[in-house]
PDB file of N, CA and C in Angstrom:
ATOM      1  N   LEU A   1      15.485  18.879  56.723  1.00  0.00           N
ATOM      2  CA  LEU A   1      16.122  17.590  56.758  1.00  0.00           C
ATOM      3  C   LEU A   1      16.609  17.234  55.368  1.00  0.00           C
ATOM      4  N   GLY A   2      17.835  16.994  55.209  1.00  0.00           N
ATOM      5  CA  GLY A   2      18.377  16.598  53.930  1.00  0.00           C
ATOM      6  C   GLY A   2      18.687  17.774  53.046  1.00  0.00           C
ATOM      7  N   PHE A   3      19.012  17.474  51.813  1.00  0.00           N
ATOM      8  CA  PHE A   3      19.375  18.490  50.840  1.00  0.00           C
ATOM      9  C   PHE A   3      18.200  18.790  49.919  1.00  0.00           C
ATOM     10  N   MET A   4      18.165  20.002  49.442  1.00  0.00           N
ATOM     11  CA  MET A   4      17.152  20.400  48.470  1.00  0.00           C
ATOM     12  C   MET A   4      17.496  19.739  47.127  1.00  0.00           C
ATOM     13  N   PRO A   5      16.499  19.221  46.412  1.00  0.00           N
ATOM     14  CA  PRO A   5      16.803  18.619  45.111  1.00  0.00           C
ATOM     15  C   PRO A   5      17.337  19.678  44.152  1.00  0.00           C
ATOM     16  N   GLU A   6      18.281  19.272  43.342  1.00  0.00           N
ATOM     17  CA  GLU A   6      18.849  20.180  42.352  1.00  0.00           C
ATOM     18  C   GLU A   6      18.422  19.699  40.962  1.00  0.00           C
ATOM     19  N   TYR A   7      18.022  20.617  40.161  1.00  0.00           N
ATOM     20  CA  TYR A   7      17.593  20.299  38.804  1.00  0.00           C
ATOM     21  C   TYR A   7      18.514  20.988  37.833  1.00  0.00           C
ATOM     22  N   GLY A   8      18.869  20.323  36.776  1.00  0.00           N
ATOM     23  CA  GLY A   8      19.725  20.919  35.757  1.00  0.00           C
ATOM     24  C   GLY A   8      18.889  21.672  34.742  1.00  0.00           C
ATOM     25  N   ALA A   9      19.572  22.067  33.715  1.00  0.00           N
ATOM     26  CA  ALA A   9      18.897  22.781  32.628  1.00  0.00           C
ATOM     27  C   ALA A   9      17.898  21.848  31.953  1.00  0.00           C
ATOM     28  N   PRO A  10      16.797  22.384  31.488  1.00  0.00           N
ATOM     29  CA  PRO A  10      15.820  21.529  30.819  1.00  0.00           C
ATOM     30  C   PRO A  10      16.435  20.874  29.574  1.00  0.00           C
ATOM     31  N   VAL A  11      16.082  19.648  29.350  1.00  0.00           N
ATOM     32  CA  VAL A  11      16.568  18.906  28.196  1.00  0.00           C
ATOM     33  C   VAL A  11      15.436  18.842  27.183  1.00  0.00           C
ATOM     34  N   LEU A  12      15.721  19.317  25.993  1.00  0.00           N
ATOM     35  CA  LEU A  12      14.713  19.289  24.944  1.00  0.00           C
ATOM     36  C   LEU A  12      14.927  18.045  24.094  1.00  0.00           C
ATOM     37  N   MET A  13      13.898  17.276  23.943  1.00  0.00           N
ATOM     38  CA  MET A  13      13.954  16.093  23.101  1.00  0.00           C
ATOM     39  C   MET A  13      13.621  16.509  21.678  1.00  0.00           C
ATOM     40  N   PRO A  14      14.257  15.864  20.687  1.00  0.00           N
ATOM     41  CA  PRO A  14      13.907  16.209  19.307  1.00  0.00           C
ATOM     42  C   PRO A  14      12.451  15.853  19.038  1.00  0.00           C
ATOM     43  N   PRO A  15      11.804  16.605  18.178  1.00  0.00           N
ATOM     44  CA  PRO A  15      10.400  16.291  17.908  1.00  0.00           C
ATOM     45  C   PRO A  15      10.272  14.909  17.276  1.00  0.00           C
ATOM     46  N   SER A  16       9.228  14.218  17.663  1.00  0.00           N
ATOM     47  CA  SER A  16       9.014  12.894  17.067  1.00  0.00           C
ATOM     48  C   SER A  16       8.184  13.067  15.796  1.00  0.00           C
ATOM     49  N   ASP A  17       8.527  12.300  14.811  1.00  0.00           N
ATOM     50  CA  ASP A  17       7.816  12.356  13.550  1.00  0.00           C
ATOM     51  C   ASP A  17       6.842  11.180  13.537  1.00  0.00           C
ATOM     52  N   ARG A  18       5.758  11.334  14.249  1.00  0.00           N
ATOM     53  CA  ARG A  18       4.805  10.230  14.394  1.00  0.00           C
ATOM     54  C   ARG A  18       4.105   9.879  13.085  1.00  0.00           C
ATOM     55  N   PHE A  19       3.864  10.867  12.244  1.00  0.00           N
ATOM     56  CA  PHE A  19       3.178  10.583  10.987  1.00  0.00           C
ATOM     57  C   PHE A  19       4.008   9.644  10.119  1.00  0.00           C
ATOM     58  N   SER A  20       5.309   9.939   9.958  1.00  0.00           N
ATOM     59  CA  SER A  20       6.159   9.068   9.141  1.00  0.00           C
ATOM     60  C   SER A  20       6.270   7.679   9.737  1.00  0.00           C
ATOM     61  N   THR A  21       6.385   7.628  11.057  1.00  0.00           N
ATOM     62  CA  THR A  21       6.449   6.324  11.719  1.00  0.00           C
ATOM     63  C   THR A  21       5.182   5.529  11.443  1.00  0.00           C
ATOM     64  N   PHE A  22       4.033   6.160  11.576  1.00  0.00           N
ATOM     65  CA  PHE A  22       2.752   5.500  11.329  1.00  0.00           C
ATOM     66  C   PHE A  22       2.628   5.088   9.867  1.00  0.00           C
ATOM     67  N   LEU A  23       3.025   5.977   8.950  1.00  0.00           N
ATOM     68  CA  LEU A  23       2.931   5.681   7.527  1.00  0.00           C
ATOM     69  C   LEU A  23       3.823   4.500   7.154  1.00  0.00           C
ATOM     70  N   ASN A  24       5.056   4.500   7.642  1.00  0.00           N
ATOM     71  CA  ASN A  24       5.968   3.394   7.347  1.00  0.00           C
ATOM     72  C   ASN A  24       5.433   2.084   7.901  1.00  0.00           C
ATOM     73  N   PHE A  25       4.890   2.122   9.107  1.00  0.00           N
ATOM     74  CA  PHE A  25       4.311   0.913   9.690  1.00  0.00           C
ATOM     75  C   PHE A  25       3.126   0.440   8.854  1.00  0.00           C
ATOM     76  N   GLY A  26       2.270   1.389   8.455  1.00  0.00           N
ATOM     77  CA  GLY A  26       1.098   1.035   7.649  1.00  0.00           C
ATOM     78  C   GLY A  26       1.489   0.432   6.310  1.00  0.00           C
ATOM     79  N   LEU A  27       2.487   1.004   5.664  1.00  0.00           N
ATOM     80  CA  LEU A  27       2.926   0.457   4.382  1.00  0.00           C
ATOM     81  C   LEU A  27       3.552  -0.920   4.551  1.00  0.00           C
ATOM     82  N   SER A  28       4.316  -1.106   5.623  1.00  0.00           N
ATOM     83  CA  SER A  28       4.912  -2.417   5.879  1.00  0.00           C
ATOM     84  C   SER A  28       3.836  -3.452   6.138  1.00  0.00           C
ATOM     85  N   LEU A  29       2.896  -3.108   6.996  1.00  0.00           N
ATOM     86  CA  LEU A  29       1.810  -4.027   7.311  1.00  0.00           C
ATOM     87  C   LEU A  29       0.956  -4.281   6.079  1.00  0.00           C
ATOM     88  N   GLY A  30       0.680  -3.234   5.317  1.00  0.00           N
ATOM     89  CA  GLY A  30      -0.094  -3.396   4.083  1.00  0.00           C
ATOM     90  C   GLY A  30       0.595  -4.330   3.111  1.00  0.00           C
ATOM     91  N   GLY A  31       1.909  -4.236   3.022  1.00  0.00           N
ATOM     92  CA  GLY A  31       2.661  -5.123   2.147  1.00  0.00           C
ATOM     93  C   GLY A  31       2.570  -6.560   2.590  1.00  0.00           C
ATOM     94  N   ILE A  32       2.597  -6.787   3.899  1.00  0.00           N
ATOM     95  CA  ILE A  32       2.482  -8.149   4.421  1.00  0.00           C
ATOM     96  C   ILE A  32       1.102  -8.710   4.119  1.00  0.00           C
ATOM     97  N   ILE A  33       0.086  -7.906   4.354  1.00  0.00           N
ATOM     98  CA  ILE A  33      -1.277  -8.356   4.093  1.00  0.00           C
ATOM     99  C   ILE A  33      -1.484  -8.572   2.604  1.00  0.00           C
ATOM    100  N   ALA A  34      -1.002  -7.631   1.807  1.00  0.00           N
ATOM    101  CA  ALA A  34      -1.215  -7.718   0.367  1.00  0.00           C
ATOM    102  C   ALA A  34      -0.461  -8.876  -0.271  1.00  0.00           C
ATOM    103  N   SER A  35       0.590  -9.328   0.386  1.00  0.00           N
ATOM    104  CA  SER A  35       1.344 -10.424  -0.208  1.00  0.00           C
ATOM    105  C   SER A  35       0.490 -11.674  -0.333  1.00  0.00           C
ATOM    106  N   ALA A  36      -0.563 -11.755   0.481  1.00  0.00           N
ATOM    107  CA  ALA A  36      -1.495 -12.862   0.341  1.00  0.00           C
ATOM    108  C   ALA A  36      -2.328 -12.693  -0.927  1.00  0.00           C
ATOM    109  N   GLY A  37      -2.434 -11.460  -1.412  1.00  0.00           N
ATOM    110  CA  GLY A  37      -3.178 -11.181  -2.634  1.00  0.00           C
ATOM    111  C   GLY A  37      -2.278 -11.334  -3.832  1.00  0.00           C
ATOM    112  N   SER A  38      -1.843 -10.232  -4.406  1.00  0.00           N
ATOM    113  CA  SER A  38      -0.995 -10.342  -5.587  1.00  0.00           C
ATOM    114  C   SER A  38      -0.225  -9.062  -5.788  1.00  0.00           C
ATOM    115  N   GLY A  39       0.816  -9.170  -6.598  1.00  0.00           N
ATOM    116  CA  GLY A  39       1.540  -7.982  -7.011  1.00  0.00           C
ATOM    117  C   GLY A  39       0.679  -7.222  -7.995  1.00  0.00           C
ATOM    118  N   SER A  40       0.382  -5.992  -7.707  1.00  0.00           N
ATOM    119  CA  SER A  40      -0.505  -5.224  -8.577  1.00  0.00           C
ATOM    120  C   SER A  40       0.206  -4.057  -9.223  1.00  0.00           C
ATOM    121  N   ASP A  41       1.510  -4.080  -9.194  1.00  0.00           N
ATOM    122  CA  ASP A  41       2.316  -3.053  -9.832  1.00  0.00           C
ATOM    123  C   ASP A  41       2.172  -3.191 -11.349  1.00  0.00           C
ATOM    124  N   SER A  42       1.950  -2.086 -12.030  1.00  0.00           N
ATOM    125  CA  SER A  42       1.737  -2.136 -13.479  1.00  0.00           C
ATOM    126  C   SER A  42       2.959  -2.661 -14.236  1.00  0.00           C
ATOM    127  N   LYS A  43       4.155  -2.545 -13.644  1.00  0.00           N
ATOM    128  CA  LYS A  43       5.337  -3.025 -14.363  1.00  0.00           C
ATOM    129  C   LYS A  43       5.427  -4.550 -14.380  1.00  0.00           C
ATOM    130  N   LEU A  44       4.544  -5.248 -13.645  1.00  0.00           N
ATOM    131  CA  LEU A  44       4.496  -6.710 -13.663  1.00  0.00           C
ATOM    132  C   LEU A  44       3.486  -7.237 -14.676  1.00  0.00           C
ATOM    133  N   LYS A  45       2.757  -6.329 -15.329  1.00  0.00           N
ATOM    134  CA  LYS A  45       1.624  -6.721 -16.173  1.00  0.00           C
ATOM    135  C   LYS A  45       1.850  -6.352 -17.630  1.00  0.00           C
ATOM    136  N   GLU A  46       1.141  -7.070 -18.505  1.00  0.00           N
ATOM    137  CA  GLU A  46       1.173  -6.757 -19.930  1.00  0.00           C
ATOM    138  C   GLU A  46      -0.205  -7.031 -20.529  1.00  0.00           C
ATOM    139  N   ASN A  47      -0.389  -6.640 -21.775  1.00  0.00           N
ATOM    140  CA  ASN A  47      -1.678  -6.805 -22.458  1.00  0.00           C
ATOM    141  C   ASN A  47      -2.820  -6.249 -21.602  1.00  0.00           C
ATOM    142  N   ILE A  48      -2.633  -5.043 -21.131  1.00  0.00           N
ATOM    143  CA  ILE A  48      -3.559  -4.404 -20.193  1.00  0.00           C
ATOM    144  C   ILE A  48      -4.706  -3.768 -20.963  1.00  0.00           C
ATOM    145  N   LYS A  49      -5.947  -4.054 -20.512  1.00  0.00           N
ATOM    146  CA  LYS A  49      -7.141  -3.526 -21.172  1.00  0.00           C
ATOM    147  C   LYS A  49      -8.096  -2.974 -20.111  1.00  0.00           C
ATOM    148  N   TYR A  50      -8.514  -1.722 -20.290  1.00  0.00           N
ATOM    149  CA  TYR A  50      -9.474  -1.087 -19.379  1.00  0.00           C
ATOM    150  C   TYR A  50     -10.842  -1.725 -19.569  1.00  0.00           C
ATOM    151  N   VAL A  51     -11.513  -2.105 -18.459  1.00  0.00           N
ATOM    152  CA  VAL A  51     -12.838  -2.712 -18.570  1.00  0.00           C
ATOM    153  C   VAL A  51     -13.917  -1.982 -17.779  1.00  0.00           C
ATOM    154  N   GLY A  52     -13.555  -0.976 -16.985  1.00  0.00           N
ATOM    155  CA  GLY A  52     -14.574  -0.234 -16.250  1.00  0.00           C
ATOM    156  C   GLY A  52     -13.996   0.428 -15.018  1.00  0.00           C
ATOM    157  N   SER A  53     -14.900   0.946 -14.175  1.00  0.00           N
ATOM    158  CA  SER A  53     -14.465   1.550 -12.916  1.00  0.00           C
ATOM    159  C   SER A  53     -15.436   1.164 -11.814  1.00  0.00           C
ATOM    160  N   SER A  54     -14.948   1.209 -10.590  1.00  0.00           N
ATOM    161  CA  SER A  54     -15.751   0.823  -9.427  1.00  0.00           C
ATOM    162  C   SER A  54     -16.490   2.038  -8.878  1.00  0.00           C
ATOM    163  N   PRO A  55     -17.468   1.829  -7.986  1.00  0.00           N
ATOM    164  CA  PRO A  55     -18.172   2.962  -7.374  1.00  0.00           C
ATOM    165  C   PRO A  55     -17.240   3.913  -6.610  1.00  0.00           C
ATOM    166  N   GLN A  56     -16.133   3.397  -6.051  1.00  0.00           N
ATOM    167  CA  GLN A  56     -15.183   4.259  -5.341  1.00  0.00           C
ATOM    168  C   GLN A  56     -14.236   4.983  -6.298  1.00  0.00           C
ATOM    169  N   GLY A  57     -14.341   4.688  -7.601  1.00  0.00           N
ATOM    170  CA  GLY A  57     -13.527   5.383  -8.594  1.00  0.00           C
ATOM    171  C   GLY A  57     -12.260   4.672  -9.012  1.00  0.00           C
ATOM    172  N   HIS A  58     -12.090   3.411  -8.615  1.00  0.00           N
ATOM    173  CA  HIS A  58     -10.910   2.658  -9.032  1.00  0.00           C
ATOM    174  C   HIS A  58     -11.119   2.112 -10.444  1.00  0.00           C
ATOM    175  N   ASN A  59     -10.134   2.301 -11.308  1.00  0.00           N
ATOM    176  CA  ASN A  59     -10.193   1.717 -12.639  1.00  0.00           C
ATOM    177  C   ASN A  59     -10.022   0.207 -12.531  1.00  0.00           C
ATOM    178  N   ILE A  60     -10.747  -0.529 -13.350  1.00  0.00           N
ATOM    179  CA  ILE A  60     -10.668  -1.989 -13.376  1.00  0.00           C
ATOM    180  C   ILE A  60     -10.044  -2.384 -14.706  1.00  0.00           C
ATOM    181  N   TRP A  61      -9.054  -3.271 -14.623  1.00  0.00           N
ATOM    182  CA  TRP A  61      -8.270  -3.658 -15.785  1.00  0.00           C
ATOM    183  C   TRP A  61      -8.236  -5.169 -15.929  1.00  0.00           C
ATOM    184  N   GLU A  62      -8.148  -5.635 -17.174  1.00  0.00           N
ATOM    185  CA  GLU A  62      -7.840  -7.038 -17.439  1.00  0.00           C
ATOM    186  C   GLU A  62      -6.418  -7.080 -17.965  1.00  0.00           C
ATOM    187  N   PHE A  63      -5.668  -8.090 -17.564  1.00  0.00           N
ATOM    188  CA  PHE A  63      -4.250  -8.157 -17.896  1.00  0.00           C
ATOM    189  C   PHE A  63      -3.736  -9.572 -17.666  1.00  0.00           C
ATOM    190  N   ASN A  64      -2.510  -9.793 -18.099  1.00  0.00           N
ATOM    191  CA  ASN A  64      -1.801 -10.993 -17.690  1.00  0.00           C
ATOM    192  C   ASN A  64      -0.443 -10.550 -17.161  1.00  0.00           C
ATOM    193  N   TYR A  65       0.109 -11.361 -16.266  1.00  0.00           N
ATOM    194  CA  TYR A  65       1.429 -11.049 -15.742  1.00  0.00           C
ATOM    195  C   TYR A  65       2.467 -11.379 -16.808  1.00  0.00           C
ATOM    196  N   VAL A  66       3.534 -10.632 -16.837  1.00  0.00           N
ATOM    197  CA  VAL A  66       4.590 -10.838 -17.820  1.00  0.00           C
ATOM    198  C   VAL A  66       5.058 -12.295 -17.751  1.00  0.00           C
ATOM    199  N   GLY A  67       5.019 -12.968 -18.905  1.00  0.00           N
ATOM    200  CA  GLY A  67       5.453 -14.356 -18.985  1.00  0.00           C
ATOM    201  C   GLY A  67       4.401 -15.379 -18.614  1.00  0.00           C
ATOM    202  N   ASP A  68       3.172 -14.939 -18.330  1.00  0.00           N
ATOM    203  CA  ASP A  68       2.084 -15.854 -17.952  1.00  0.00           C
ATOM    204  C   ASP A  68       0.895 -15.584 -18.862  1.00  0.00           C
ATOM    205  N   SER A  69       0.241 -16.623 -19.344  1.00  0.00           N
ATOM    206  CA  SER A  69      -0.878 -16.430 -20.269  1.00  0.00           C
ATOM    207  C   SER A  69      -2.227 -16.306 -19.556  1.00  0.00           C
ATOM    208  N   LYS A  70      -2.317 -16.627 -18.263  1.00  0.00           N
ATOM    209  CA  LYS A  70      -3.591 -16.500 -17.539  1.00  0.00           C
ATOM    210  C   LYS A  70      -3.991 -15.032 -17.459  1.00  0.00           C
ATOM    211  N   ARG A  71      -5.284 -14.755 -17.683  1.00  0.00           N
ATOM    212  CA  ARG A  71      -5.809 -13.395 -17.628  1.00  0.00           C
ATOM    213  C   ARG A  71      -6.453 -13.145 -16.264  1.00  0.00           C
ATOM    214  N   TYR A  72      -6.287 -11.924 -15.785  1.00  0.00           N
ATOM    215  CA  TYR A  72      -6.842 -11.523 -14.496  1.00  0.00           C
ATOM    216  C   TYR A  72      -7.571 -10.200 -14.651  1.00  0.00           C
ATOM    217  N   ARG A  73      -8.428  -9.914 -13.679  1.00  0.00           N
ATOM    218  CA  ARG A  73      -9.114  -8.622 -13.602  1.00  0.00           C
ATOM    219  C   ARG A  73      -8.825  -8.050 -12.223  1.00  0.00           C
ATOM    220  N   GLY A  74      -8.390  -6.795 -12.186  1.00  0.00           N
ATOM    221  CA  GLY A  74      -8.067  -6.158 -10.914  1.00  0.00           C
ATOM    222  C   GLY A  74      -7.696  -4.706 -11.112  1.00  0.00           C
ATOM    223  N   ALA A  75      -6.952  -4.179 -10.147  1.00  0.00           N
ATOM    224  CA  ALA A  75      -6.583  -2.764 -10.145  1.00  0.00           C
ATOM    225  C   ALA A  75      -5.079  -2.608 -10.302  1.00  0.00           C
ATOM    226  N   MET A  76      -4.664  -1.401 -10.640  1.00  0.00           N
ATOM    227  CA  MET A  76      -3.247  -1.054 -10.726  1.00  0.00           C
ATOM    228  C   MET A  76      -2.861  -0.331  -9.438  1.00  0.00           C
ATOM    229  N   ALA A  77      -1.812  -0.795  -8.804  1.00  0.00           N
ATOM    230  CA  ALA A  77      -1.395  -0.221  -7.525  1.00  0.00           C
ATOM    231  C   ALA A  77      -1.094   1.271  -7.626  1.00  0.00           C
ATOM    232  N   GLN A  78      -0.490   1.706  -8.723  1.00  0.00           N
ATOM    233  CA  GLN A  78      -0.164   3.118  -8.885  1.00  0.00           C
ATOM    234  C   GLN A  78      -1.424   3.984  -8.852  1.00  0.00           C
ATOM    235  N   GLU A  79      -2.511   3.486  -9.430  1.00  0.00           N
ATOM    236  CA  GLU A  79      -3.767   4.241  -9.420  1.00  0.00           C
ATOM    237  C   GLU A  79      -4.452   4.157  -8.060  1.00  0.00           C
ATOM    238  N   VAL A  80      -4.422   2.992  -7.438  1.00  0.00           N
ATOM    239  CA  VAL A  80      -5.044   2.830  -6.116  1.00  0.00           C
ATOM    240  C   VAL A  80      -4.390   3.769  -5.115  1.00  0.00           C
ATOM    241  N   ALA A  81      -3.072   3.938  -5.212  1.00  0.00           N
ATOM    242  CA  ALA A  81      -2.342   4.800  -4.281  1.00  0.00           C
ATOM    243  C   ALA A  81      -2.846   6.242  -4.310  1.00  0.00           C
ATOM    244  N   LYS A  82      -3.349   6.690  -5.441  1.00  0.00           N
ATOM    245  CA  LYS A  82      -3.862   8.055  -5.560  1.00  0.00           C
ATOM    246  C   LYS A  82      -5.190   8.230  -4.831  1.00  0.00           C
ATOM    247  N   ILE A  83      -6.002   7.169  -4.775  1.00  0.00           N
ATOM    248  CA  ILE A  83      -7.321   7.237  -4.150  1.00  0.00           C
ATOM    249  C   ILE A  83      -7.281   6.765  -2.697  1.00  0.00           C
ATOM    250  N   ASN A  84      -6.568   5.663  -2.447  1.00  0.00           N
ATOM    251  CA  ASN A  84      -6.519   5.075  -1.111  1.00  0.00           C
ATOM    252  C   ASN A  84      -5.099   4.562  -0.830  1.00  0.00           C
ATOM    253  N   PRO A  85      -4.185   5.457  -0.440  1.00  0.00           N
ATOM    254  CA  PRO A  85      -2.794   5.040  -0.243  1.00  0.00           C
ATOM    255  C   PRO A  85      -2.609   3.978   0.838  1.00  0.00           C
ATOM    256  N   MET A  86      -3.524   3.885   1.784  1.00  0.00           N
ATOM    257  CA  MET A  86      -3.393   2.875   2.838  1.00  0.00           C
ATOM    258  C   MET A  86      -3.706   1.473   2.324  1.00  0.00           C
ATOM    259  N   ALA A  87      -4.191   1.353   1.098  1.00  0.00           N
ATOM    260  CA  ALA A  87      -4.456   0.035   0.512  1.00  0.00           C
ATOM    261  C   ALA A  87      -3.272  -0.455  -0.315  1.00  0.00           C
ATOM    262  N   VAL A  88      -2.185   0.319  -0.327  1.00  0.00           N
ATOM    263  CA  VAL A  88      -1.025  -0.032  -1.145  1.00  0.00           C
ATOM    264  C   VAL A  88       0.178  -0.289  -0.250  1.00  0.00           C
ATOM    265  N   GLY A  89       0.918  -1.336  -0.575  1.00  0.00           N
ATOM    266  CA  GLY A  89       2.142  -1.666   0.137  1.00  0.00           C
ATOM    267  C   GLY A  89       3.276  -1.889  -0.844  1.00  0.00           C
ATOM    268  N   ILE A  90       4.438  -2.189  -0.305  1.00  0.00           N
ATOM    269  CA  ILE A  90       5.615  -2.459  -1.137  1.00  0.00           C
ATOM    270  C   ILE A  90       6.198  -3.797  -0.703  1.00  0.00           C
ATOM    271  N   GLU A  91       6.452  -4.664  -1.678  1.00  0.00           N
ATOM    272  CA  GLU A  91       7.075  -5.951  -1.411  1.00  0.00           C
ATOM    273  C   GLU A  91       8.090  -6.239  -2.496  1.00  0.00           C
ATOM    274  N   ASP A  92       9.310  -6.498  -2.093  1.00  0.00           N
ATOM    275  CA  ASP A  92      10.393  -6.790  -3.033  1.00  0.00           C
ATOM    276  C   ASP A  92      10.514  -5.727  -4.130  1.00  0.00           C
ATOM    277  N   GLY A  93      10.321  -4.479  -3.760  1.00  0.00           N
ATOM    278  CA  GLY A  93      10.482  -3.384  -4.705  1.00  0.00           C
ATOM    279  C   GLY A  93       9.316  -3.143  -5.637  1.00  0.00           C
ATOM    280  N   THR A  94       8.226  -3.881  -5.482  1.00  0.00           N
ATOM    281  CA  THR A  94       7.046  -3.646  -6.320  1.00  0.00           C
ATOM    282  C   THR A  94       5.858  -3.307  -5.429  1.00  0.00           C
ATOM    283  N   LEU A  95       4.916  -2.590  -5.997  1.00  0.00           N
ATOM    284  CA  LEU A  95       3.722  -2.190  -5.260  1.00  0.00           C
ATOM    285  C   LEU A  95       2.713  -3.334  -5.222  1.00  0.00           C
ATOM    286  N   THR A  96       2.004  -3.435  -4.105  1.00  0.00           N
ATOM    287  CA  THR A  96       0.957  -4.434  -3.936  1.00  0.00           C
ATOM    288  C   THR A  96      -0.324  -3.726  -3.493  1.00  0.00           C
ATOM    289  N   VAL A  97      -1.460  -4.367  -3.727  1.00  0.00           N
ATOM    290  CA  VAL A  97      -2.753  -3.828  -3.309  1.00  0.00           C
ATOM    291  C   VAL A  97      -3.385  -4.776  -2.315  1.00  0.00           C
ATOM    292  N   ASP A  98      -3.859  -4.233  -1.207  1.00  0.00           N
ATOM    293  CA  ASP A  98      -4.658  -4.996  -0.252  1.00  0.00           C
ATOM    294  C   ASP A  98      -6.105  -4.860  -0.731  1.00  0.00           C
ATOM    295  N   TYR A  99      -6.568  -5.854  -1.475  1.00  0.00           N
ATOM    296  CA  TYR A  99      -7.890  -5.785  -2.095  1.00  0.00           C
ATOM    297  C   TYR A  99      -9.028  -5.750  -1.070  1.00  0.00           C
ATOM    298  N   SER A 100      -8.762  -6.109   0.184  1.00  0.00           N
ATOM    299  CA  SER A 100      -9.813  -6.035   1.201  1.00  0.00           C
ATOM    300  C   SER A 100     -10.135  -4.584   1.558  1.00  0.00           C
ATOM    301  N   LYS A 101      -9.285  -3.643   1.135  1.00  0.00           N
ATOM    302  CA  LYS A 101      -9.495  -2.233   1.454  1.00  0.00           C
ATOM    303  C   LYS A 101     -10.073  -1.436   0.300  1.00  0.00           C
ATOM    304  N   ILE A 102     -10.333  -2.082  -0.832  1.00  0.00           N
ATOM    305  CA  ILE A 102     -10.938  -1.381  -1.966  1.00  0.00           C
ATOM    306  C   ILE A 102     -12.138  -2.185  -2.465  1.00  0.00           C
ATOM    307  N   ASP A 103     -12.932  -1.561  -3.320  1.00  0.00           N
ATOM    308  CA  ASP A 103     -14.160  -2.214  -3.810  1.00  0.00           C
ATOM    309  C   ASP A 103     -13.952  -2.898  -5.149  1.00  0.00           C
ATOM    310  N   VAL A 104     -12.742  -3.395  -5.393  1.00  0.00           N
ATOM    311  CA  VAL A 104     -12.436  -4.165  -6.587  1.00  0.00           C
ATOM    312  C   VAL A 104     -11.904  -5.517  -6.123  1.00  0.00           C
ATOM    313  N   ASP A 105     -12.312  -6.579  -6.802  1.00  0.00           N
ATOM    314  CA  ASP A 105     -11.782  -7.898  -6.490  1.00  0.00           C
ATOM    315  C   ASP A 105     -10.776  -8.298  -7.544  1.00  0.00           C
ATOM    316  N   MET A 106      -9.761  -9.013  -7.098  1.00  0.00           N
ATOM    317  CA  MET A 106      -8.772  -9.581  -8.024  1.00  0.00           C
ATOM    318  C   MET A 106      -9.283 -10.970  -8.381  1.00  0.00           C
ATOM    319  N   VAL A 107      -9.609 -11.175  -9.675  1.00  0.00           N
ATOM    320  CA  VAL A 107     -10.159 -12.463 -10.103  1.00  0.00           C
ATOM    321  C   VAL A 107      -9.489 -12.928 -11.386  1.00  0.00           C
ATOM    322  N   GLU A 108      -9.437 -14.226 -11.547  1.00  0.00           N
ATOM    323  CA  GLU A 108      -8.959 -14.801 -12.809  1.00  0.00           C
ATOM    324  C   GLU A 108     -10.130 -14.827 -13.771  1.00  0.00           C
ATOM    325  N   VAL A 109      -9.906 -14.411 -15.010  1.00  0.00           N
ATOM    326  CA  VAL A 109     -11.001 -14.386 -16.002  1.00  0.00           C
ATOM    327  C   VAL A 109     -10.738 -15.370 -17.125  1.00  0.00           C
TER     328      VAL A 109
END
């Protein structure tokens, strides 16, 4: 009864690059979360002084932001990216750190 179904040649879909998709999403989300914290890109800072390291191996620095005299203690995004890249995001062309993902706190000193 009826006609036999006809099938064409198999169609190959291009491979999906799930890792890049996940990484881009993670960096975007990390940037959104980190924006509540602070810009931790070293190019935003001056008068940088090493003060120690955390148990996870993150260097701790005291610094002030360019053009601001308030001193802070925290991490450098470029260094955090080497140890925990998922704790680093990008916002407005600068790197940010999601401090909830590392064992260093960003504090005013």
